[in-house]
Protein backbone atom coordinates (compact mmCIF):
# COMPACT_ATOMS: atom_id res chain seq x y z
CA MET A 1 92.96 -67.01 86.54
CA GLU A 2 91.29 -70.51 86.71
CA GLY A 3 89.07 -70.07 89.61
CA ASN A 4 87.34 -72.47 91.65
CA PHE A 5 87.75 -76.07 90.06
CA LEU A 6 86.96 -79.48 90.61
CA TRP A 7 88.59 -83.09 88.79
CA LEU A 8 86.59 -86.12 88.28
CA ARG A 9 88.20 -89.39 87.68
CA MET A 10 85.62 -91.82 86.17
CA ALA A 11 85.90 -95.44 85.65
CA PRO A 12 84.98 -97.54 82.35
CA GLN A 13 82.48 -99.31 84.51
CA ASP A 14 80.93 -96.21 85.57
CA THR A 15 80.27 -94.18 82.38
CA GLY A 16 80.22 -97.01 79.82
CA LEU A 17 82.95 -95.70 77.90
CA PRO A 18 85.93 -98.05 77.13
CA TYR A 19 88.51 -95.92 79.05
CA TRP A 20 89.09 -93.64 81.96
CA THR A 21 88.03 -90.29 81.74
CA PHE A 22 89.60 -87.21 83.63
CA ALA A 23 87.03 -84.17 83.56
CA LYS A 24 87.98 -80.84 84.92
CA TYR A 25 84.98 -78.61 86.10
CA GLN A 26 85.91 -74.86 86.19
CA HIS A 27 84.78 -71.19 87.10
CA LEU A 28 82.74 -73.07 90.03
CA VAL A 29 80.92 -70.81 92.28
CA THR A 30 82.57 -71.84 95.18
CA PRO A 31 85.39 -74.61 96.04
CA PRO A 32 83.37 -78.11 96.11
CA GLU A 33 83.00 -79.74 99.43
CA LEU A 34 83.78 -83.41 98.06
CA GLN A 35 86.89 -85.13 99.50
CA VAL A 36 89.56 -86.60 97.39
CA GLY A 37 88.29 -90.29 96.53
CA GLN A 38 84.97 -89.54 97.30
CA ARG A 39 82.39 -91.34 94.93
CA VAL A 40 79.77 -89.37 92.96
CA SER A 41 76.76 -90.62 91.11
CA ALA A 42 75.03 -89.28 87.87
CA GLY A 43 72.55 -86.82 88.83
CA GLN A 44 74.10 -85.51 92.20
CA VAL A 45 74.80 -81.96 92.49
CA ILE A 46 78.34 -81.44 92.96
CA ALA A 47 78.95 -77.89 92.72
CA TYR A 48 77.67 -74.78 90.86
CA SER A 49 79.07 -73.20 87.97
CA GLY A 50 79.72 -69.38 87.84
CA ALA A 51 82.19 -66.41 87.34
CA THR A 52 85.17 -67.27 89.64
CA GLY A 53 88.24 -66.62 87.63
CA THR A 54 86.69 -64.52 84.65
CA GLN A 55 86.61 -61.39 85.95
CA GLY A 56 88.29 -58.61 83.95
CA GLY A 57 89.80 -59.30 80.43
CA HIS A 58 87.58 -60.27 77.65
CA TYR A 59 84.76 -61.48 79.94
CA GLY A 60 84.21 -58.21 81.64
CA ALA A 61 84.62 -56.55 84.70
CA ASN A 62 82.12 -58.90 86.58
CA GLY A 63 82.97 -61.84 84.69
CA TYR A 64 80.99 -64.45 82.64
CA PRO A 65 79.07 -67.28 84.72
CA HIS A 66 79.56 -70.59 82.80
CA LEU A 67 81.32 -73.99 82.94
CA HIS A 68 84.62 -74.77 81.37
CA LEU A 69 84.82 -78.33 80.85
CA SER A 70 88.22 -80.07 79.95
CA THR A 71 88.52 -83.80 79.47
CA TYR A 72 91.28 -86.20 79.15
CA PHE A 73 90.71 -89.80 78.23
CA GLY A 74 93.34 -92.62 78.75
CA PRO A 75 93.74 -96.59 79.30
CA ASN A 76 94.50 -96.46 83.16
CA PRO A 77 93.36 -94.72 86.40
CA ASP A 78 97.09 -93.57 87.53
CA PHE A 79 97.34 -89.99 87.60
CA THR A 80 99.48 -87.32 89.48
CA VAL A 81 98.48 -83.82 90.45
CA ARG A 82 100.93 -80.78 89.40
CA GLY A 83 100.76 -76.83 89.00
CA ALA A 84 99.76 -74.09 90.35
CA PHE A 85 96.85 -74.93 93.18
CA ASP A 86 96.97 -78.53 92.04
CA SER A 87 95.30 -77.20 88.82
CA MET A 88 96.49 -79.57 86.49
CA VAL A 89 95.97 -83.77 86.61
CA LYS A 90 98.93 -85.47 84.76
CA ALA A 91 97.30 -88.76 83.93
CA LYS A 92 99.25 -91.83 82.90
CA ASP A 93 99.00 -92.01 78.72
CA ALA A 94 95.54 -89.95 78.72
CA THR A 95 95.15 -87.39 76.26
CA PRO A 96 92.68 -84.42 76.16
CA ASP A 97 90.02 -84.66 73.65
CA ASP A 98 86.59 -83.69 73.01
CA PRO A 99 83.74 -84.40 75.38
CA LEU A 100 81.77 -85.60 72.25
CA VAL A 101 82.52 -89.46 73.37
CA PHE A 102 80.26 -89.00 76.06
CA TYR A 103 77.31 -88.58 73.52
CA LEU A 104 78.36 -91.09 71.08
CA GLU A 105 76.34 -94.35 70.98
CA PRO A 106 77.59 -96.81 71.14
CA PRO A 107 80.78 -95.98 73.12
CA GLN A 108 83.94 -95.95 70.87
CA ALA A 109 87.67 -96.02 71.50
CA LEU A 110 89.16 -92.83 71.05
CA ASP A 111 91.15 -93.48 67.74
CA GLN A 112 87.55 -94.74 66.24
CA VAL A 113 86.15 -91.28 67.27
CA ARG A 114 88.58 -89.25 65.93
CA GLN A 115 88.21 -91.29 62.24
CA LEU A 116 84.46 -90.41 62.20
CA PRO A 117 83.38 -89.01 59.15
CA GLN A 118 82.73 -84.93 59.95
CA GLY A 119 79.04 -85.20 59.88
CA GLN A 120 79.02 -87.69 62.35
CA GLN A 121 81.30 -85.86 64.82
CA GLN A 122 78.97 -83.65 65.81
CA VAL A 123 75.91 -84.11 68.59
CA SER A 124 73.59 -82.00 69.94
CA PRO A 125 73.20 -82.81 73.76
CA GLU A 126 69.85 -82.09 75.53
CA VAL A 127 70.53 -79.50 78.18
CA LEU A 128 68.51 -78.84 81.34
CA LEU A 129 67.57 -75.22 81.70
CA GLN A 130 66.79 -75.67 85.38
CA GLU A 131 67.64 -78.33 87.44
CA GLN A 132 65.61 -81.75 87.43
CA ALA A 133 66.23 -85.48 88.08
CA LEU A 134 68.52 -87.28 85.54
CA ILE A 135 67.26 -89.78 83.99
CA ALA A 136 68.74 -93.07 85.20
CA GLY A 137 71.23 -94.83 82.92
CA THR A 138 71.57 -92.04 80.48
CA ARG A 139 74.78 -89.81 79.33
CA ARG A 140 72.86 -88.16 76.94
CA VAL A 141 72.23 -85.11 78.90
CA TRP A 142 75.04 -82.76 80.42
CA PRO A 143 73.10 -81.20 83.39
CA VAL A 144 74.69 -77.84 83.89
CA PHE A 145 72.90 -74.79 85.47
CA CYS A 146 75.11 -71.69 85.32
CA THR A 147 74.46 -68.88 88.25
CA LYS A 148 76.61 -66.38 90.27
CA ASP A 149 75.47 -67.83 93.27
CA LYS A 150 73.35 -70.93 94.82
CA ASN A 151 69.72 -69.09 95.13
């Protein structure tokens, strides 16, 4: 079970990356209230991560609050929605890849990222332990606050 999720499509001019990004945020407390095509901005709270879709199995009876992030990168904005409950986005010519690319400076093409030496394929992004304002113009912090409810 996937639980509640949200897909974001991010343009190169918005991320500073040289390609389109499609990101799936999964196990959200409630379904997001965003409308299809609605723009969001860095630092905006779009959802709260939780334990939906994790109850039972290896997460235990009550589940485990966390954020599951899947990222796809491609040369254009074209996509179609498919799968049960619209759970998959099929982005034209996009491939799944590591969210590491969000943290590399300067932004690089995906084939360059894959060819980096092993030591350069690891970064330690900063994590916000509580909700704080995002520093303007940065992609270095991935603000995630996992909770079982909004309070």
